[in-house]
Amino acid sequence: MFLSACVKMCENFQDVRKIEVVKDSQRVSERLIEILVSAAESVIAEKNAFTVGLSGGSMVDFLCSGFLRREAKVDLTKWKFFFCDERIVPVHHSESTFGTYKRKLLTILPIDEKQFIPVDTSMTRNIE
């Protein structure tokens, strides 16, 4: 069995966490999109905007796979995407989380690059 830990906000968005066990990675991606779309619809109805924090690694592949499999179209015009774990590298670098999403997600979804709020990678860390 393929395990997936998903944090799902219930209908009234109280802090309720639920661990789901699904049979494979395909179901993980499908379930991820179901949860995101459900949350987005509720939040957009109340606040007219929806923000998503994106991580690197395999998350971009799960999102792409889930959106490609989804039959019903999703209105993404009010979604904003933020990055939770960006590396401080140029966007064209292979380890750039924003660069990966830009290359993969923008090619399959009707979203604008302006909906992404990237980390300012021109900043440097002080290493002592």
C-alpha atoms as a PDB file:
ATOM      1  CA  MET A   1       0.000   0.000   0.000  1.00  0.00           C
ATOM      2  CA  PHE A   2       1.152   3.488  -0.776  1.00  0.00           C
ATOM      3  CA  LEU A   3       0.709   5.770   2.214  1.00  0.00           C
ATOM      4  CA  SER A   4      -0.244   9.366   1.920  1.00  0.00           C
ATOM      5  CA  ALA A   5      -0.633  11.836   4.739  1.00  0.00           C
ATOM      6  CA  CYS A   6      -3.014  14.572   3.706  1.00  0.00           C
ATOM      7  CA  VAL A   7      -4.047  17.493   5.826  1.00  0.00           C
ATOM      8  CA  LYS A   8      -7.669  18.185   5.072  1.00  0.00           C
ATOM      9  CA  MET A   9      -9.667  21.060   6.365  1.00  0.00           C
ATOM     10  CA  CYS A  10     -13.252  20.053   7.054  1.00  0.00           C
ATOM     11  CA  GLU A  11     -16.249  21.918   5.674  1.00  0.00           C
ATOM     12  CA  ASN A  12     -16.066  24.718   8.247  1.00  0.00           C
ATOM     13  CA  PHE A  13     -12.252  24.798   8.057  1.00  0.00           C
ATOM     14  CA  GLN A  14     -11.614  24.060  11.699  1.00  0.00           C
ATOM     15  CA  ASP A  15      -8.188  22.569  12.277  1.00  0.00           C
ATOM     16  CA  VAL A  16      -9.005  18.906  11.691  1.00  0.00           C
ATOM     17  CA  ARG A  17      -6.304  16.601  10.383  1.00  0.00           C
ATOM     18  CA  LYS A  18      -6.912  13.328   8.663  1.00  0.00           C
ATOM     19  CA  ILE A  19      -4.472  10.681   7.485  1.00  0.00           C
ATOM     20  CA  GLU A  20      -5.628   8.823   4.425  1.00  0.00           C
ATOM     21  CA  VAL A  21      -4.253   5.556   3.100  1.00  0.00           C
ATOM     22  CA  VAL A  22      -4.586   5.131  -0.651  1.00  0.00           C
ATOM     23  CA  LYS A  23      -3.495   2.320  -2.925  1.00  0.00           C
ATOM     24  CA  ASP A  24      -1.024   4.075  -5.232  1.00  0.00           C
ATOM     25  CA  SER A  25       0.551   7.336  -6.343  1.00  0.00           C
ATOM     26  CA  GLN A  26      -2.168   7.900  -8.957  1.00  0.00           C
ATOM     27  CA  ARG A  27      -4.770   7.998  -6.197  1.00  0.00           C
ATOM     28  CA  VAL A  28      -2.540  10.332  -4.154  1.00  0.00           C
ATOM     29  CA  SER A  29      -2.525  12.846  -7.014  1.00  0.00           C
ATOM     30  CA  GLU A  30      -6.272  12.506  -7.588  1.00  0.00           C
ATOM     31  CA  ARG A  31      -7.037  12.942  -3.881  1.00  0.00           C
ATOM     32  CA  LEU A  32      -4.679  15.915  -3.618  1.00  0.00           C
ATOM     33  CA  ILE A  33      -6.572  17.745  -6.358  1.00  0.00           C
ATOM     34  CA  GLU A  34      -9.951  16.820  -4.837  1.00  0.00           C
ATOM     35  CA  ILE A  35      -8.876  18.324  -1.502  1.00  0.00           C
ATOM     36  CA  LEU A  36      -7.379  21.445  -3.095  1.00  0.00           C
ATOM     37  CA  VAL A  37     -10.383  22.122  -5.324  1.00  0.00           C
ATOM     38  CA  SER A  38     -12.840  21.603  -2.461  1.00  0.00           C
ATOM     39  CA  ALA A  39     -10.882  23.957  -0.211  1.00  0.00           C
ATOM     40  CA  ALA A  40     -10.492  26.497  -3.027  1.00  0.00           C
ATOM     41  CA  GLU A  41     -14.207  26.598  -3.779  1.00  0.00           C
ATOM     42  CA  SER A  42     -15.076  27.257  -0.116  1.00  0.00           C
ATOM     43  CA  VAL A  43     -12.368  29.861   0.427  1.00  0.00           C
ATOM     44  CA  ILE A  44     -13.016  31.686  -2.862  1.00  0.00           C
ATOM     45  CA  ALA A  45     -16.736  31.907  -2.019  1.00  0.00           C
ATOM     46  CA  GLU A  46     -15.817  33.648   1.234  1.00  0.00           C
ATOM     47  CA  LYS A  47     -12.630  35.581   0.404  1.00  0.00           C
ATOM     48  CA  ASN A  48     -12.572  35.764  -3.410  1.00  0.00           C
ATOM     49  CA  ALA A  49      -9.010  34.368  -3.478  1.00  0.00           C
ATOM     50  CA  PHE A  50      -7.187  31.132  -2.672  1.00  0.00           C
ATOM     51  CA  THR A  51      -3.521  30.718  -1.771  1.00  0.00           C
ATOM     52  CA  VAL A  52      -1.511  27.523  -2.040  1.00  0.00           C
ATOM     53  CA  GLY A  53       1.890  26.886  -0.480  1.00  0.00           C
ATOM     54  CA  LEU A  54       4.002  24.751  -2.805  1.00  0.00           C
ATOM     55  CA  SER A  55       6.866  22.503  -1.817  1.00  0.00           C
ATOM     56  CA  GLY A  56       9.510  20.956  -4.013  1.00  0.00           C
ATOM     57  CA  GLY A  57      10.338  17.322  -4.624  1.00  0.00           C
ATOM     58  CA  SER A  58       7.586  15.120  -6.010  1.00  0.00           C
ATOM     59  CA  MET A  59       4.748  17.559  -5.204  1.00  0.00           C
ATOM     60  CA  VAL A  60       4.872  19.169  -8.652  1.00  0.00           C
ATOM     61  CA  ASP A  61       4.472  15.748 -10.287  1.00  0.00           C
ATOM     62  CA  PHE A  62       1.512  14.879  -8.034  1.00  0.00           C
ATOM     63  CA  LEU A  63      -0.157  18.199  -8.888  1.00  0.00           C
ATOM     64  CA  CYS A  64       0.447  17.844 -12.627  1.00  0.00           C
ATOM     65  CA  SER A  65      -0.770  14.260 -12.658  1.00  0.00           C
ATOM     66  CA  GLY A  66      -3.865  15.093 -10.617  1.00  0.00           C
ATOM     67  CA  PHE A  67      -4.851  18.081 -12.739  1.00  0.00           C
ATOM     68  CA  LEU A  68      -4.307  16.120 -15.970  1.00  0.00           C
ATOM     69  CA  ARG A  69      -6.580  13.300 -14.749  1.00  0.00           C
ATOM     70  CA  ARG A  70      -9.325  15.614 -13.514  1.00  0.00           C
ATOM     71  CA  GLU A  71     -12.256  15.599 -15.906  1.00  0.00           C
ATOM     72  CA  ALA A  72     -14.003  18.694 -14.585  1.00  0.00           C
ATOM     73  CA  LYS A  73     -12.276  21.955 -15.347  1.00  0.00           C
ATOM     74  CA  VAL A  74     -11.151  24.088 -12.432  1.00  0.00           C
ATOM     75  CA  ASP A  75     -11.262  27.890 -12.420  1.00  0.00           C
ATOM     76  CA  LEU A  76      -7.745  28.772 -11.293  1.00  0.00           C
ATOM     77  CA  THR A  77      -7.948  32.514 -11.941  1.00  0.00           C
ATOM     78  CA  LYS A  78      -8.259  33.342  -8.231  1.00  0.00           C
ATOM     79  CA  TRP A  79      -5.481  31.013  -7.080  1.00  0.00           C
ATOM     80  CA  LYS A  80      -2.072  32.340  -5.938  1.00  0.00           C
ATOM     81  CA  PHE A  81       0.901  30.030  -5.525  1.00  0.00           C
ATOM     82  CA  PHE A  82       3.624  30.641  -2.913  1.00  0.00           C
ATOM     83  CA  PHE A  83       6.819  28.648  -2.377  1.00  0.00           C
ATOM     84  CA  CYS A  84       7.514  27.045   0.991  1.00  0.00           C
ATOM     85  CA  ASP A  85      10.985  25.594   0.467  1.00  0.00           C
ATOM     86  CA  GLU A  86      12.723  27.375  -2.381  1.00  0.00           C
ATOM     87  CA  ARG A  87      16.457  27.030  -2.750  1.00  0.00           C
ATOM     88  CA  ILE A  88      18.328  30.276  -3.315  1.00  0.00           C
ATOM     89  CA  VAL A  89      19.337  29.525  -6.900  1.00  0.00           C
ATOM     90  CA  PRO A  90      18.421  31.197 -10.215  1.00  0.00           C
ATOM     91  CA  VAL A  91      15.030  30.206 -11.649  1.00  0.00           C
ATOM     92  CA  HIS A  92      16.683  28.357 -14.567  1.00  0.00           C
ATOM     93  CA  HIS A  93      18.724  26.171 -12.157  1.00  0.00           C
ATOM     94  CA  SER A  94      17.636  22.511 -11.978  1.00  0.00           C
ATOM     95  CA  GLU A  95      17.114  22.788  -8.198  1.00  0.00           C
ATOM     96  CA  SER A  96      14.829  25.837  -8.375  1.00  0.00           C
ATOM     97  CA  THR A  97      11.375  24.932  -7.077  1.00  0.00           C
ATOM     98  CA  PHE A  98       9.813  27.881  -8.915  1.00  0.00           C
ATOM     99  CA  GLY A  99      11.678  26.922 -12.080  1.00  0.00           C
ATOM    100  CA  THR A 100      10.331  23.375 -11.880  1.00  0.00           C
ATOM    101  CA  TYR A 101       6.733  24.539 -11.406  1.00  0.00           C
ATOM    102  CA  LYS A 102       7.167  27.100 -14.170  1.00  0.00           C
ATOM    103  CA  ARG A 103       8.387  24.419 -16.593  1.00  0.00           C
ATOM    104  CA  LYS A 104       5.825  21.785 -15.633  1.00  0.00           C
ATOM    105  CA  LEU A 105       2.638  23.354 -14.249  1.00  0.00           C
ATOM    106  CA  LEU A 106       2.441  26.391 -16.540  1.00  0.00           C
ATOM    107  CA  THR A 107       2.533  24.114 -19.575  1.00  0.00           C
ATOM    108  CA  ILE A 108      -0.571  22.135 -18.575  1.00  0.00           C
ATOM    109  CA  LEU A 109      -2.793  24.597 -16.704  1.00  0.00           C
ATOM    110  CA  PRO A 110      -4.532  27.804 -17.782  1.00  0.00           C
ATOM    111  CA  ILE A 111      -2.666  29.922 -15.246  1.00  0.00           C
ATOM    112  CA  ASP A 112      -0.503  32.993 -15.590  1.00  0.00           C
ATOM    113  CA  GLU A 113       3.049  33.255 -14.304  1.00  0.00           C
ATOM    114  CA  LYS A 114       1.881  36.315 -12.319  1.00  0.00           C
ATOM    115  CA  GLN A 115      -0.101  33.943 -10.078  1.00  0.00           C
ATOM    116  CA  PHE A 116       3.193  32.592  -8.722  1.00  0.00           C
ATOM    117  CA  ILE A 117       4.782  34.516  -5.869  1.00  0.00           C
ATOM    118  CA  PRO A 118       8.418  33.388  -6.052  1.00  0.00           C
ATOM    119  CA  VAL A 119      11.105  33.806  -3.439  1.00  0.00           C
ATOM    120  CA  ASP A 120      13.585  36.595  -4.196  1.00  0.00           C
ATOM    121  CA  THR A 121      16.570  34.418  -5.095  1.00  0.00           C
ATOM    122  CA  SER A 122      18.842  37.409  -5.534  1.00  0.00           C
ATOM    123  CA  MET A 123      19.107  37.581  -1.760  1.00  0.00           C
ATOM    124  CA  THR A 124      22.045  35.778  -0.200  1.00  0.00           C
ATOM    125  CA  ARG A 125      22.455  34.193   3.180  1.00  0.00           C
ATOM    126  CA  ASN A 126      25.080  35.389   5.615  1.00  0.00           C
ATOM    127  CA  ILE A 127      27.223  32.374   6.359  1.00  0.00           C
ATOM    128  CA  GLU A 128      29.392  32.729   9.420  1.00  0.00           C
END
